[in-house]
C-alpha cells in the first residue's frame, strides 16, 4: 500500500469525525484552541485504536463487524444527537446560563469519547480489511489518528464560528448533524447491501 493511499484512508476515516466536530464546536460556547486540541486528541486516539482492534479481530470476525457496524454508529450518533437537541431546547435558567460547568458536562471527556467511538466504527471495519493486506497497521493507525486530530481540531474551530452565528440553539444544529451522520452511515451500508 502506497503512502498516498494510507493518507487518503486517514482523511477518509476522519470525515465523519470532522462533521461531528463541527456540530460539537457549534454547540460549545466559544471553544478555544486548547478545547479544540483536546477534542482532536480524544477523537484521534480513539480513531487510531479502532483500526488496530479491527485488525486484531482479523478474518474470523470480519463478517460479524461488517454486519452491524452501521447500526452501532447509527444508534450511538442518534442517541447523542437527540440528547444535544433536547439540551438545546431547554431554556437557560439563570444560575448556569453562562456557567462553564454546563458546557463541560455536555462536552466532557465521556461525551467526546462516545462521539469519537461512534464515528470510528468504520475505521474498525477498515482495520479488519487491512488484516488481509501487506500493510503495517501501526503506520496506518498513526496516520488515521493524526488526520482525525487535525480534522476534529479544525472542525471544532469552524463550529465556533457557526456557534457564534447561531447562538444558544447551536446545540440543536450539532444534534441534527450527528443524527444526519448516523443516518448517512446507515443509508450507505444498507444501500450497499441491496
Protein backbone atom coordinates (compact mmCIF):
# COMPACT_ATOMS: atom_id res chain seq x y z
CA UNK A 1 0.00 0.00 0.00
CA UNK A 2 1.44 3.35 -1.04
CA UNK A 3 1.95 6.26 1.39
CA UNK A 4 -0.61 8.29 -0.59
CA UNK A 5 -3.19 5.52 -0.16
CA UNK A 6 -2.54 5.47 3.58
CA UNK A 7 -3.00 9.25 3.84
CA UNK A 8 -6.20 9.07 1.78
CA UNK A 9 -7.51 6.35 4.10
CA UNK A 10 -6.61 8.58 7.05
CA UNK A 11 -8.58 11.52 5.69
CA UNK A 12 -11.48 9.32 4.59
CA UNK A 13 -11.73 7.87 8.09
CA UNK A 14 -11.68 11.35 9.64
CA UNK A 15 -14.55 12.87 7.63
CA UNK A 16 -17.32 11.65 9.96
CA UNK A 17 -15.34 12.87 12.95
CA UNK A 18 -14.84 16.25 11.24
CA UNK A 19 -18.58 16.68 10.65
CA UNK A 20 -19.35 15.66 14.23
CA UNK A 21 -16.70 18.12 15.46
CA UNK A 22 -18.32 20.97 13.56
CA UNK A 23 -21.53 20.12 15.38
CA UNK A 24 -19.76 19.89 18.74
CA UNK A 25 -17.92 23.16 18.11
CA UNK A 26 -21.18 24.88 17.21
CA UNK A 27 -22.76 23.63 20.42
CA UNK A 28 -19.84 24.68 22.64
CA UNK A 29 -19.80 28.19 23.99
CA UNK A 30 -16.82 29.83 22.36
CA UNK A 31 -14.38 26.89 22.30
CA UNK A 32 -10.75 27.93 22.37
CA UNK A 33 -7.86 26.25 20.59
CA UNK A 34 -6.93 24.17 23.68
CA UNK A 35 -10.55 22.88 23.78
CA UNK A 36 -10.36 22.02 20.07
CA UNK A 37 -6.98 20.29 20.51
CA UNK A 38 -8.31 18.30 23.47
CA UNK A 39 -11.30 17.11 21.43
CA UNK A 40 -8.99 16.39 18.48
CA UNK A 41 -6.71 14.33 20.70
CA UNK A 42 -9.61 12.31 22.15
CA UNK A 43 -11.07 11.63 18.70
CA UNK A 44 -7.61 10.97 17.20
CA UNK A 45 -6.59 8.42 19.83
CA UNK A 46 -9.89 6.56 19.55
CA UNK A 47 -9.78 6.68 15.74
CA UNK A 48 -6.21 5.28 15.83
CA UNK A 49 -7.10 2.46 18.24
CA UNK A 50 -10.19 1.16 16.44
CA UNK A 51 -8.47 0.01 13.22
CA UNK A 52 -5.91 -1.85 15.34
CA UNK A 53 -8.77 -3.58 17.18
CA UNK A 54 -10.35 -4.41 13.83
CA UNK A 55 -7.04 -5.67 12.50
CA UNK A 56 -6.64 -7.89 15.57
CA UNK A 57 -10.11 -9.34 15.04
CA UNK A 58 -8.98 -10.35 11.55
CA UNK A 59 -10.71 -12.76 9.20
CA UNK A 60 -12.72 -14.58 11.80
CA UNK A 61 -14.65 -11.52 12.95
CA UNK A 62 -14.94 -9.56 9.69
CA UNK A 63 -18.39 -10.83 8.77
CA UNK A 64 -19.71 -10.01 12.25
CA UNK A 65 -18.24 -6.49 12.46
CA UNK A 66 -19.35 -5.55 8.95
CA UNK A 67 -22.80 -6.95 9.62
CA UNK A 68 -23.67 -4.45 12.36
CA UNK A 69 -21.10 -1.61 12.44
CA UNK A 70 -23.53 0.77 10.75
CA UNK A 71 -26.26 0.01 13.30
CA UNK A 72 -23.88 0.72 16.21
CA UNK A 73 -22.77 4.03 14.64
CA UNK A 74 -26.39 4.97 13.84
CA UNK A 75 -27.56 4.17 17.37
CA UNK A 76 -24.76 5.99 19.19
CA UNK A 77 -24.88 9.07 16.97
CA UNK A 78 -28.68 9.12 17.09
CA UNK A 79 -28.81 8.98 20.88
CA UNK A 80 -26.10 11.64 21.21
CA UNK A 81 -27.86 13.81 18.62
CA UNK A 82 -31.24 13.59 20.35
CA UNK A 83 -29.56 14.39 23.68
CA UNK A 84 -27.97 17.51 22.17
CA UNK A 85 -31.29 18.62 20.61
CA UNK A 86 -33.12 18.18 23.93
CA UNK A 87 -30.37 20.14 25.72
CA UNK A 88 -30.62 22.90 23.09
CA UNK A 89 -34.38 23.16 23.53
CA UNK A 90 -34.16 23.56 27.30
CA UNK A 91 -34.41 27.21 28.31
CA UNK A 92 -31.46 28.78 30.09
CA UNK A 93 -32.06 29.04 33.79
CA UNK A 94 -30.35 31.99 35.34
CA UNK A 95 -27.93 30.12 37.57
CA UNK A 96 -26.00 28.14 34.94
CA UNK A 97 -26.63 30.14 31.79
CA UNK A 98 -23.04 31.17 31.31
CA UNK A 99 -21.53 28.59 33.59
CA UNK A 100 -18.51 26.73 32.25
CA UNK A 101 -19.70 23.67 34.18
CA UNK A 102 -22.82 23.31 32.00
CA UNK A 103 -20.72 23.25 28.84
CA UNK A 104 -18.22 20.85 30.39
CA UNK A 105 -20.97 18.40 31.28
CA UNK A 106 -22.25 18.23 27.69
CA UNK A 107 -18.80 18.31 26.10
CA UNK A 108 -16.74 16.48 28.70
CA UNK A 109 -14.39 13.59 28.14
CA UNK A 110 -17.03 10.84 28.09
CA UNK A 111 -19.37 12.71 25.72
CA UNK A 112 -16.47 13.38 23.34
CA UNK A 113 -15.20 9.81 23.68
CA UNK A 114 -18.65 8.37 22.91
CA UNK A 115 -18.94 10.56 19.81
CA UNK A 116 -15.39 9.66 18.81
CA UNK A 117 -16.16 5.97 19.17
CA UNK A 118 -19.39 6.27 17.20
CA UNK A 119 -17.61 7.95 14.31
CA UNK A 120 -14.77 5.41 14.35
CA UNK A 121 -16.76 2.20 13.89
CA UNK A 122 -15.99 2.27 10.15
CA UNK A 123 -12.29 2.53 10.97
CA UNK A 124 -12.60 -0.74 12.87
CA UNK A 125 -14.07 -2.38 9.77
CA UNK A 126 -11.21 -0.90 7.70
CA UNK A 127 -8.79 -2.48 10.18
CA UNK A 128 -10.41 -5.85 9.60
CA UNK A 129 -9.94 -5.38 5.84
CA UNK A 130 -6.31 -4.37 6.32
CA UNK A 131 -5.65 -7.67 8.08
CA UNK A 132 -5.74 -9.26 4.59
CA UNK A 133 -3.21 -6.83 3.09
CA UNK A 134 0.55 -6.49 3.42
CA UNK A 135 0.45 -3.27 5.42
CA UNK A 136 1.92 -2.14 8.75
CA UNK A 137 -1.17 -1.49 10.87
CA UNK A 138 0.78 0.76 13.27
CA UNK A 139 1.63 3.22 10.48
CA UNK A 140 -1.94 3.22 9.17
CA UNK A 141 -3.38 3.71 12.67
CA UNK A 142 -0.96 6.58 13.37
CA UNK A 143 -1.89 8.32 10.10
CA UNK A 144 -5.61 7.88 10.76
CA UNK A 145 -5.16 9.25 14.28
CA UNK A 146 -3.17 12.29 13.12
CA UNK A 147 -5.62 13.06 10.30
CA UNK A 148 -8.51 12.82 12.74
CA UNK A 149 -6.76 15.01 15.33
CA UNK A 150 -6.22 17.66 12.64
CA UNK A 151 -9.70 17.45 11.16
CA UNK A 152 -11.50 17.47 14.53
CA UNK A 153 -9.46 20.44 15.76
CA UNK A 154 -10.36 22.34 12.59
CA UNK A 155 -13.98 21.20 12.86
CA UNK A 156 -14.35 22.44 16.43
CA UNK A 157 -12.90 25.84 15.49
CA UNK A 158 -15.13 26.06 12.40
CA UNK A 159 -18.07 25.12 14.61
CA UNK A 160 -17.12 28.01 16.89
CA UNK A 161 -17.80 30.44 14.05
CA UNK A 162 -21.12 28.73 13.31
CA UNK A 163 -21.93 28.72 17.02
CA UNK A 164 -21.36 32.46 17.31
CA UNK A 165 -23.80 33.00 14.44
CA UNK A 166 -26.44 30.58 15.70
CA UNK A 167 -26.40 31.46 19.40
CA UNK A 168 -27.63 29.10 22.11
CA UNK A 169 -29.65 26.99 19.66
CA UNK A 170 -26.40 25.78 18.07
CA UNK A 171 -26.77 22.73 20.32
CA UNK A 172 -29.76 21.76 18.17
CA UNK A 173 -27.70 22.15 14.99
CA UNK A 174 -24.99 19.92 16.46
CA UNK A 175 -27.56 17.28 17.38
CA UNK A 176 -29.08 17.34 13.91
CA UNK A 177 -25.61 16.99 12.37
CA UNK A 178 -24.91 13.90 14.49
CA UNK A 179 -28.24 12.34 13.52
CA UNK A 180 -27.60 13.09 9.83
CA UNK A 181 -24.14 11.49 10.05
CA UNK A 182 -25.57 8.39 11.73
CA UNK A 183 -28.38 8.17 9.17
CA UNK A 184 -25.90 8.64 6.32
CA UNK A 185 -23.71 5.80 7.63
CA UNK A 186 -26.78 3.57 7.91
CA UNK A 187 -28.03 4.54 4.42
CA UNK A 188 -24.64 3.92 2.80
CA UNK A 189 -24.36 0.47 4.36
CA UNK A 190 -27.95 -0.58 3.71
CA UNK A 191 -27.82 0.85 0.18
CA UNK A 192 -24.57 -1.00 -0.49
CA UNK A 193 -26.06 -4.25 0.80
CA UNK A 194 -29.01 -4.08 -1.61
